[in-house]
PDB file of all heavy atoms in Angstrom:
ATOM      1  N   ALA A   1       6.543  10.628  -0.047  1.00  0.00           N
ATOM      2  CA  ALA A   1       6.299   9.963   1.232  1.00  0.00           C
ATOM      3  C   ALA A   1       6.514   8.455   1.014  1.00  0.00           C
ATOM      4  O   ALA A   1       6.046   7.879   0.015  1.00  0.00           O
ATOM      5  CB  ALA A   1       4.875  10.205   1.709  1.00  0.00           C
ATOM      6  N   LEU A   2       7.291   7.871   1.884  1.00  0.00           N
ATOM      7  CA  LEU A   2       7.529   6.433   1.875  1.00  0.00           C
ATOM      8  C   LEU A   2       6.778   5.765   2.994  1.00  0.00           C
ATOM      9  O   LEU A   2       6.906   6.158   4.155  1.00  0.00           O
ATOM     10  CB  LEU A   2       9.034   6.121   1.952  1.00  0.00           C
ATOM     11  CG  LEU A   2       9.425   4.653   1.862  1.00  0.00           C
ATOM     12  CD1 LEU A   2      10.716   4.493   1.103  1.00  0.00           C
ATOM     13  CD2 LEU A   2       9.588   4.065   3.261  1.00  0.00           C
ATOM     14  N   ARG A   3       5.968   4.781   2.685  1.00  0.00           N
ATOM     15  CA  ARG A   3       5.225   4.040   3.665  1.00  0.00           C
ATOM     16  C   ARG A   3       5.667   2.602   3.699  1.00  0.00           C
ATOM     17  O   ARG A   3       5.569   1.847   2.726  1.00  0.00           O
ATOM     18  CB  ARG A   3       3.734   4.091   3.432  1.00  0.00           C
ATOM     19  CG  ARG A   3       2.844   3.493   4.507  1.00  0.00           C
ATOM     20  CD  ARG A   3       1.371   3.825   4.272  1.00  0.00           C
ATOM     21  NE  ARG A   3       1.187   5.277   4.353  1.00  0.00           N
ATOM     22  CZ  ARG A   3       0.074   5.862   3.838  1.00  0.00           C
ATOM     23  NH1 ARG A   3      -0.883   5.166   3.314  1.00  0.00           N
ATOM     24  NH2 ARG A   3      -0.035   7.190   3.941  1.00  0.00           N
ATOM     25  N   ILE A   4       6.223   2.202   4.866  1.00  0.00           N
ATOM     26  CA  ILE A   4       6.699   0.794   5.074  1.00  0.00           C
ATOM     27  C   ILE A   4       6.128   0.318   6.364  1.00  0.00           C
ATOM     28  O   ILE A   4       6.286   0.954   7.407  1.00  0.00           O
ATOM     29  CB  ILE A   4       8.256   0.763   5.010  1.00  0.00           C
ATOM     30  CG1 ILE A   4       8.728  -0.678   5.197  1.00  0.00           C
ATOM     31  CG2 ILE A   4       8.871   1.687   6.032  1.00  0.00           C
ATOM     32  CD1 ILE A   4      10.215  -0.847   4.899  1.00  0.00           C
ATOM     33  N   GLY A   5       5.444  -0.865   6.337  1.00  0.00           N
ATOM     34  CA  GLY A   5       4.781  -1.318   7.510  1.00  0.00           C
ATOM     35  C   GLY A   5       3.719  -0.288   7.922  1.00  0.00           C
ATOM     36  O   GLY A   5       2.875   0.078   7.100  1.00  0.00           O
ATOM     37  N   THR A   6       3.799   0.213   9.121  1.00  0.00           N
ATOM     38  CA  THR A   6       2.879   1.245   9.603  1.00  0.00           C
ATOM     39  C   THR A   6       3.565   2.626   9.703  1.00  0.00           C
ATOM     40  O   THR A   6       3.015   3.585  10.181  1.00  0.00           O
ATOM     41  CB  THR A   6       2.305   0.919  10.980  1.00  0.00           C
ATOM     42  OG1 THR A   6       3.404   0.719  11.886  1.00  0.00           O
ATOM     43  CG2 THR A   6       1.485  -0.353  10.892  1.00  0.00           C
ATOM     44  N   LYS A   7       4.791   2.735   9.171  1.00  0.00           N
ATOM     45  CA  LYS A   7       5.623   3.927   9.228  1.00  0.00           C
ATOM     46  C   LYS A   7       5.550   4.725   7.947  1.00  0.00           C
ATOM     47  O   LYS A   7       5.593   4.146   6.882  1.00  0.00           O
ATOM     48  CB  LYS A   7       7.072   3.509   9.523  1.00  0.00           C
ATOM     49  CG  LYS A   7       8.073   4.679   9.635  1.00  0.00           C
ATOM     50  CD  LYS A   7       7.823   5.492  10.901  1.00  0.00           C
ATOM     51  CE  LYS A   7       8.903   6.568  11.043  1.00  0.00           C
ATOM     52  NZ  LYS A   7       8.699   7.341  12.294  1.00  0.00           N
ATOM     53  N   THR A   8       5.478   6.037   8.091  1.00  0.00           N
ATOM     54  CA  THR A   8       5.585   6.939   6.959  1.00  0.00           C
ATOM     55  C   THR A   8       6.706   7.909   7.171  1.00  0.00           C
ATOM     56  O   THR A   8       6.815   8.492   8.282  1.00  0.00           O
ATOM     57  CB  THR A   8       4.259   7.712   6.759  1.00  0.00           C
ATOM     58  OG1 THR A   8       3.194   6.814   6.523  1.00  0.00           O
ATOM     59  CG2 THR A   8       4.370   8.661   5.530  1.00  0.00           C
ATOM     60  N   ALA A   9       7.603   8.091   6.198  1.00  0.00           N
ATOM     61  CA  ALA A   9       8.763   8.955   6.321  1.00  0.00           C
ATOM     62  C   ALA A   9       8.909   9.712   5.040  1.00  0.00           C
ATOM     63  O   ALA A   9       8.392   9.343   3.960  1.00  0.00           O
ATOM     64  CB  ALA A   9       9.992   8.153   6.585  1.00  0.00           C
ATOM     65  N   ASN A  10       9.609  10.855   5.115  1.00  0.00           N
ATOM     66  CA  ASN A  10       9.952  11.638   3.892  1.00  0.00           C
ATOM     67  C   ASN A  10      11.086  10.987   3.158  1.00  0.00           C
ATOM     68  O   ASN A  10      12.061  10.530   3.786  1.00  0.00           O
ATOM     69  CB  ASN A  10      10.320  13.057   4.297  1.00  0.00           C
ATOM     70  CG  ASN A  10       9.164  13.813   4.908  1.00  0.00           C
ATOM     71  OD1 ASN A  10       8.076  13.779   4.448  1.00  0.00           O
ATOM     72  ND2 ASN A  10       9.418  14.518   6.012  1.00  0.00           N
ATOM     73  N   ALA A  11      10.967  10.916   1.853  1.00  0.00           N
ATOM     74  CA  ALA A  11      11.956  10.167   1.049  1.00  0.00           C
ATOM     75  C   ALA A  11      12.323  10.922  -0.214  1.00  0.00           C
ATOM     76  O   ALA A  11      11.513  11.693  -0.790  1.00  0.00           O
ATOM     77  CB  ALA A  11      11.430   8.791   0.702  1.00  0.00           C
ATOM     78  N   ARG A  12      13.574  10.650  -0.673  1.00  0.00           N
ATOM     79  CA  ARG A  12      13.981  11.164  -2.025  1.00  0.00           C
ATOM     80  C   ARG A  12      14.750  10.050  -2.750  1.00  0.00           C
ATOM     81  O   ARG A  12      15.487   9.326  -2.089  1.00  0.00           O
ATOM     82  CB  ARG A  12      14.931  12.364  -1.838  1.00  0.00           C
ATOM     83  CG  ARG A  12      14.367  13.626  -1.355  1.00  0.00           C
ATOM     84  CD  ARG A  12      15.412  14.754  -1.225  1.00  0.00           C
ATOM     85  NE  ARG A  12      16.441  14.398  -0.275  1.00  0.00           N
ATOM     86  CZ  ARG A  12      17.658  14.066  -0.565  1.00  0.00           C
ATOM     87  NH1 ARG A  12      18.076  13.991  -1.861  1.00  0.00           N
ATOM     88  NH2 ARG A  12      18.560  13.749   0.318  1.00  0.00           N
ATOM     89  N   VAL A  13      14.466   9.882  -3.982  1.00  0.00           N
ATOM     90  CA  VAL A  13      15.295   9.030  -4.816  1.00  0.00           C
ATOM     91  C   VAL A  13      16.524   9.810  -5.230  1.00  0.00           C
ATOM     92  O   VAL A  13      16.415  10.772  -5.990  1.00  0.00           O
ATOM     93  CB  VAL A  13      14.509   8.505  -6.065  1.00  0.00           C
ATOM     94  CG1 VAL A  13      15.440   7.706  -6.965  1.00  0.00           C
ATOM     95  CG2 VAL A  13      13.304   7.657  -5.633  1.00  0.00           C
ATOM     96  N   THR A  14      17.654   9.448  -4.668  1.00  0.00           N
ATOM     97  CA  THR A  14      18.865  10.225  -4.921  1.00  0.00           C
ATOM     98  C   THR A  14      19.558   9.889  -6.235  1.00  0.00           C
ATOM     99  O   THR A  14      20.208  10.737  -6.858  1.00  0.00           O
ATOM    100  CB  THR A  14      19.875  10.039  -3.771  1.00  0.00           C
ATOM    101  OG1 THR A  14      20.215   8.612  -3.681  1.00  0.00           O
ATOM    102  CG2 THR A  14      19.275  10.471  -2.431  1.00  0.00           C
ATOM    103  N   HIS A  15      19.348   8.644  -6.671  1.00  0.00           N
ATOM    104  CA  HIS A  15      20.084   8.204  -7.872  1.00  0.00           C
ATOM    105  C   HIS A  15      19.381   6.980  -8.469  1.00  0.00           C
ATOM    106  O   HIS A  15      18.969   6.081  -7.739  1.00  0.00           O
ATOM    107  CB  HIS A  15      21.509   7.848  -7.480  1.00  0.00           C
ATOM    108  CG  HIS A  15      22.320   7.317  -8.671  1.00  0.00           C
ATOM    109  ND1 HIS A  15      22.615   8.063  -9.768  1.00  0.00           N
ATOM    110  CD2 HIS A  15      22.878   6.093  -8.868  1.00  0.00           C
ATOM    111  CE1 HIS A  15      23.337   7.334 -10.612  1.00  0.00           C
ATOM    112  NE2 HIS A  15      23.475   6.115 -10.050  1.00  0.00           N
ATOM    113  N   ILE A  16      19.241   6.934  -9.788  1.00  0.00           N
ATOM    114  CA  ILE A  16      18.727   5.772 -10.482  1.00  0.00           C
ATOM    115  C   ILE A  16      19.923   4.953 -10.983  1.00  0.00           C
ATOM    116  O   ILE A  16      20.707   5.435 -11.821  1.00  0.00           O
ATOM    117  CB  ILE A  16      17.850   6.134 -11.700  1.00  0.00           C
ATOM    118  CG1 ILE A  16      16.628   6.955 -11.175  1.00  0.00           C
ATOM    119  CG2 ILE A  16      17.386   4.896 -12.431  1.00  0.00           C
ATOM    120  CD1 ILE A  16      15.749   7.480 -12.306  1.00  0.00           C
ATOM    121  N   LYS A  17      20.143   3.787 -10.414  1.00  0.00           N
ATOM    122  CA  LYS A  17      21.310   2.981 -10.803  1.00  0.00           C
ATOM    123  C   LYS A  17      21.101   2.437 -12.216  1.00  0.00           C
ATOM    124  O   LYS A  17      22.017   2.444 -13.068  1.00  0.00           O
ATOM    125  CB  LYS A  17      21.507   1.853  -9.822  1.00  0.00           C
ATOM    126  CG  LYS A  17      21.777   2.322  -8.382  1.00  0.00           C
ATOM    127  CD  LYS A  17      22.229   1.213  -7.490  1.00  0.00           C
ATOM    128  CE  LYS A  17      23.630   0.679  -7.882  1.00  0.00           C
ATOM    129  NZ  LYS A  17      24.085  -0.313  -6.868  1.00  0.00           N
ATOM    130  N   TYR A  18      19.892   1.894 -12.481  1.00  0.00           N
ATOM    131  CA  TYR A  18      19.613   1.410 -13.853  1.00  0.00           C
ATOM    132  C   TYR A  18      18.143   1.109 -13.972  1.00  0.00           C
ATOM    133  O   TYR A  18      17.401   0.942 -12.981  1.00  0.00           O
ATOM    134  CB  TYR A  18      20.423   0.177 -14.219  1.00  0.00           C
ATOM    135  CG  TYR A  18      20.247  -1.021 -13.325  1.00  0.00           C
ATOM    136  CD1 TYR A  18      19.184  -1.917 -13.534  1.00  0.00           C
ATOM    137  CD2 TYR A  18      21.098  -1.294 -12.266  1.00  0.00           C
ATOM    138  CE1 TYR A  18      18.976  -3.044 -12.709  1.00  0.00           C
ATOM    139  CE2 TYR A  18      20.961  -2.390 -11.467  1.00  0.00           C
ATOM    140  CZ  TYR A  18      19.878  -3.267 -11.665  1.00  0.00           C
ATOM    141  OH  TYR A  18      19.703  -4.361 -10.848  1.00  0.00           O
ATOM    142  N   ALA A  19      17.667   1.135 -15.203  1.00  0.00           N
ATOM    143  CA  ALA A  19      16.292   0.668 -15.543  1.00  0.00           C
ATOM    144  C   ALA A  19      16.426  -0.758 -16.125  1.00  0.00           C
ATOM    145  O   ALA A  19      17.498  -1.171 -16.536  1.00  0.00           O
ATOM    146  CB  ALA A  19      15.629   1.600 -16.558  1.00  0.00           C
ATOM    147  N   LEU A  20      15.296  -1.473 -16.078  1.00  0.00           N
ATOM    148  CA  LEU A  20      15.325  -2.878 -16.486  1.00  0.00           C
ATOM    149  C   LEU A  20      14.597  -3.075 -17.772  1.00  0.00           C
ATOM    150  O   LEU A  20      13.414  -2.668 -17.915  1.00  0.00           O
ATOM    151  CB  LEU A  20      14.703  -3.753 -15.389  1.00  0.00           C
ATOM    152  CG  LEU A  20      14.881  -5.250 -15.473  1.00  0.00           C
ATOM    153  CD1 LEU A  20      16.368  -5.622 -15.275  1.00  0.00           C
ATOM    154  CD2 LEU A  20      14.005  -5.966 -14.422  1.00  0.00           C
ATOM    155  N   ASN A  21      15.224  -3.711 -18.768  1.00  0.00           N
ATOM    156  CA  ASN A  21      14.525  -4.171 -19.997  1.00  0.00           C
ATOM    157  C   ASN A  21      13.785  -5.444 -19.610  1.00  0.00           C
ATOM    158  O   ASN A  21      14.426  -6.462 -19.347  1.00  0.00           O
ATOM    159  CB  ASN A  21      15.526  -4.421 -21.112  1.00  0.00           C
ATOM    160  CG  ASN A  21      14.874  -4.861 -22.390  1.00  0.00           C
ATOM    161  OD1 ASN A  21      13.885  -5.574 -22.374  1.00  0.00           O
ATOM    162  ND2 ASN A  21      15.437  -4.387 -23.520  1.00  0.00           N
ATOM    163  N   VAL A  22      12.464  -5.411 -19.566  1.00  0.00           N
ATOM    164  CA  VAL A  22      11.709  -6.548 -19.035  1.00  0.00           C
ATOM    165  C   VAL A  22      11.769  -7.739 -19.960  1.00  0.00           C
ATOM    166  O   VAL A  22      11.518  -8.885 -19.536  1.00  0.00           O
ATOM    167  CB  VAL A  22      10.233  -6.163 -18.781  1.00  0.00           C
ATOM    168  CG1 VAL A  22      10.110  -5.187 -17.681  1.00  0.00           C
ATOM    169  CG2 VAL A  22       9.530  -5.683 -20.055  1.00  0.00           C
ATOM    170  N   GLU A  23      12.138  -7.541 -21.218  1.00  0.00           N
ATOM    171  CA  GLU A  23      12.177  -8.684 -22.147  1.00  0.00           C
ATOM    172  C   GLU A  23      13.493  -9.439 -22.077  1.00  0.00           C
ATOM    173  O   GLU A  23      13.553 -10.650 -22.337  1.00  0.00           O
ATOM    174  CB  GLU A  23      11.909  -8.179 -23.609  1.00  0.00           C
ATOM    175  CG  GLU A  23      10.531  -7.606 -23.819  1.00  0.00           C
ATOM    176  CD  GLU A  23      10.242  -7.259 -25.270  1.00  0.00           C
ATOM    177  OE1 GLU A  23      10.869  -7.955 -26.139  1.00  0.00           O
ATOM    178  OE2 GLU A  23       9.479  -6.365 -25.498  1.00  0.00           O
ATOM    179  N   THR A  24      14.591  -8.706 -21.750  1.00  0.00           N
ATOM    180  CA  THR A  24      15.895  -9.342 -21.702  1.00  0.00           C
ATOM    181  C   THR A  24      16.555  -9.282 -20.345  1.00  0.00           C
ATOM    182  O   THR A  24      17.612  -9.894 -20.148  1.00  0.00           O
ATOM    183  CB  THR A  24      16.853  -8.656 -22.708  1.00  0.00           C
ATOM    184  OG1 THR A  24      17.052  -7.278 -22.292  1.00  0.00           O
ATOM    185  CG2 THR A  24      16.238  -8.657 -24.127  1.00  0.00           C
ATOM    186  N   GLN A  25      15.974  -8.523 -19.407  1.00  0.00           N
ATOM    187  CA  GLN A  25      16.553  -8.279 -18.099  1.00  0.00           C
ATOM    188  C   GLN A  25      17.870  -7.485 -18.163  1.00  0.00           C
ATOM    189  O   GLN A  25      18.649  -7.437 -17.230  1.00  0.00           O
ATOM    190  CB  GLN A  25      16.787  -9.585 -17.309  1.00  0.00           C
ATOM    191  CG  GLN A  25      15.527 -10.395 -17.146  1.00  0.00           C
ATOM    192  CD  GLN A  25      14.429  -9.696 -16.371  1.00  0.00           C
ATOM    193  OE1 GLN A  25      14.620  -9.320 -15.224  1.00  0.00           O
ATOM    194  NE2 GLN A  25      13.275  -9.486 -16.972  1.00  0.00           N
ATOM    195  N   GLU A  26      18.118  -6.862 -19.322  1.00  0.00           N
ATOM    196  CA  GLU A  26      19.294  -6.052 -19.517  1.00  0.00           C
ATOM    197  C   GLU A  26      19.194  -4.778 -18.675  1.00  0.00           C
ATOM    198  O   GLU A  26      18.111  -4.210 -18.522  1.00  0.00           O
ATOM    199  CB  GLU A  26      19.418  -5.664 -21.002  1.00  0.00           C
ATOM    200  CG  GLU A  26      20.621  -4.806 -21.296  1.00  0.00           C
ATOM    201  CD  GLU A  26      20.597  -4.331 -22.769  1.00  0.00           C
ATOM    202  OE1 GLU A  26      19.669  -4.676 -23.491  1.00  0.00           O
ATOM    203  OE2 GLU A  26      21.552  -3.577 -23.166  1.00  0.00           O
ATOM    204  N   HIS A  27      20.336  -4.347 -18.112  1.00  0.00           N
ATOM    205  CA  HIS A  27      20.400  -3.083 -17.320  1.00  0.00           C
ATOM    206  C   HIS A  27      20.604  -1.909 -18.272  1.00  0.00           C
ATOM    207  O   HIS A  27      21.570  -1.896 -19.018  1.00  0.00           O
ATOM    208  CB  HIS A  27      21.497  -3.190 -16.308  1.00  0.00           C
ATOM    209  CG  HIS A  27      21.303  -4.213 -15.247  1.00  0.00           C
ATOM    210  ND1 HIS A  27      22.183  -4.480 -14.238  1.00  0.00           N
ATOM    211  CD2 HIS A  27      20.243  -5.094 -15.095  1.00  0.00           C
ATOM    212  CE1 HIS A  27      21.729  -5.443 -13.481  1.00  0.00           C
ATOM    213  NE2 HIS A  27      20.579  -5.851 -13.972  1.00  0.00           N
ATOM    214  N   LEU A  28      19.710  -0.931 -18.200  1.00  0.00           N
ATOM    215  CA  LEU A  28      19.769   0.218 -19.056  1.00  0.00           C
ATOM    216  C   LEU A  28      20.047   1.479 -18.247  1.00  0.00           C
ATOM    217  O   LEU A  28      19.529   1.656 -17.155  1.00  0.00           O
ATOM    218  CB  LEU A  28      18.433   0.408 -19.806  1.00  0.00           C
ATOM    219  CG  LEU A  28      17.884  -0.764 -20.540  1.00  0.00           C
ATOM    220  CD1 LEU A  28      16.503  -0.512 -21.070  1.00  0.00           C
ATOM    221  CD2 LEU A  28      18.806  -1.216 -21.662  1.00  0.00           C
ATOM    222  N   SER A  29      20.896   2.355 -18.782  1.00  0.00           N
ATOM    223  CA  SER A  29      21.116   3.630 -18.096  1.00  0.00           C
ATOM    224  C   SER A  29      19.854   4.468 -18.138  1.00  0.00           C
ATOM    225  O   SER A  29      19.132   4.437 -19.142  1.00  0.00           O
ATOM    226  CB  SER A  29      22.298   4.399 -18.743  1.00  0.00           C
ATOM    227  OG  SER A  29      21.993   4.663 -20.077  1.00  0.00           O
ATOM    228  N   ALA A  30      19.561   5.188 -17.094  1.00  0.00           N
ATOM    229  CA  ALA A  30      18.313   5.997 -17.006  1.00  0.00           C
ATOM    230  C   ALA A  30      18.495   7.185 -16.097  1.00  0.00           C
ATOM    231  O   ALA A  30      19.170   7.093 -15.083  1.00  0.00           O
ATOM    232  CB  ALA A  30      17.166   5.112 -16.574  1.00  0.00           C
ATOM    233  N   THR A  31      17.857   8.248 -16.453  1.00  0.00           N
ATOM    234  CA  THR A  31      17.826   9.464 -15.566  1.00  0.00           C
ATOM    235  C   THR A  31      16.457   9.649 -14.993  1.00  0.00           C
ATOM    236  O   THR A  31      16.266  10.507 -14.117  1.00  0.00           O
ATOM    237  CB  THR A  31      18.215  10.732 -16.361  1.00  0.00           C
ATOM    238  OG1 THR A  31      17.330  10.851 -17.481  1.00  0.00           O
ATOM    239  CG2 THR A  31      19.648  10.581 -16.883  1.00  0.00           C
ATOM    240  N   THR A  32      15.450   8.896 -15.440  1.00  0.00           N
ATOM    241  CA  THR A  32      14.098   8.965 -14.897  1.00  0.00           C
ATOM    242  C   THR A  32      13.435   7.635 -15.183  1.00  0.00           C
ATOM    243  O   THR A  32      13.950   6.827 -15.951  1.00  0.00           O
ATOM    244  CB  THR A  32      13.298  10.104 -15.549  1.00  0.00           C
ATOM    245  OG1 THR A  32      11.995  10.179 -14.900  1.00  0.00           O
ATOM    246  CG2 THR A  32      13.079   9.844 -17.041  1.00  0.00           C
ATOM    247  N   LEU A  33      12.287   7.380 -14.501  1.00  0.00           N
ATOM    248  CA  LEU A  33      11.522   6.141 -14.738  1.00  0.00           C
ATOM    249  C   LEU A  33      10.120   6.577 -15.186  1.00  0.00           C
ATOM    250  O   LEU A  33       9.388   7.211 -14.426  1.00  0.00           O
ATOM    251  CB  LEU A  33      11.437   5.311 -13.456  1.00  0.00           C
ATOM    252  CG  LEU A  33      12.728   4.710 -12.905  1.00  0.00           C
ATOM    253  CD1 LEU A  33      12.440   3.890 -11.685  1.00  0.00           C
ATOM    254  CD2 LEU A  33      13.430   3.852 -13.964  1.00  0.00           C
ATOM    255  N   PRO A  34       9.713   6.279 -16.439  1.00  0.00           N
ATOM    256  CA  PRO A  34       8.348   6.610 -16.839  1.00  0.00           C
ATOM    257  C   PRO A  34       7.349   5.529 -16.366  1.00  0.00           C
ATOM    258  O   PRO A  34       7.741   4.563 -15.712  1.00  0.00           O
ATOM    259  CB  PRO A  34       8.507   6.562 -18.379  1.00  0.00           C
ATOM    260  CG  PRO A  34       9.565   5.550 -18.628  1.00  0.00           C
ATOM    261  CD  PRO A  34      10.558   5.702 -17.478  1.00  0.00           C
ATOM    262  N   LEU A  35       6.095   5.750 -16.669  1.00  0.00           N
ATOM    263  CA  LEU A  35       5.042   4.831 -16.299  1.00  0.00           C
ATOM    264  C   LEU A  35       5.361   3.374 -16.649  1.00  0.00           C
ATOM    265  O   LEU A  35       5.795   3.102 -17.809  1.00  0.00           O
ATOM    266  CB  LEU A  35       3.737   5.224 -16.983  1.00  0.00           C
ATOM    267  CG  LEU A  35       2.506   4.304 -16.752  1.00  0.00           C
ATOM    268  CD1 LEU A  35       2.078   4.399 -15.296  1.00  0.00           C
ATOM    269  CD2 LEU A  35       1.356   4.740 -17.650  1.00  0.00           C
ATOM    270  N   ASN A  36       5.229   2.466 -15.687  1.00  0.00           N
ATOM    271  CA  ASN A  36       5.407   1.007 -15.844  1.00  0.00           C
ATOM    272  C   ASN A  36       6.874   0.585 -16.000  1.00  0.00           C
ATOM    273  O   ASN A  36       7.115  -0.603 -16.213  1.00  0.00           O
ATOM    274  CB  ASN A  36       4.608   0.464 -17.046  1.00  0.00           C
ATOM    275  CG  ASN A  36       3.097   0.634 -16.869  1.00  0.00           C
ATOM    276  OD1 ASN A  36       2.633   0.620 -15.755  1.00  0.00           O
ATOM    277  ND2 ASN A  36       2.379   0.776 -17.952  1.00  0.00           N
TER     278      ASN A  36
END
């Protein structure tokens, strides 16, 4: 469920473009996003 403003809609993440290395801001390939 996606909640924006006062609206709630059904949502799907269709594709992960990249994950972020927080120390270098490097773009990393990813198929999922773990905690944090």
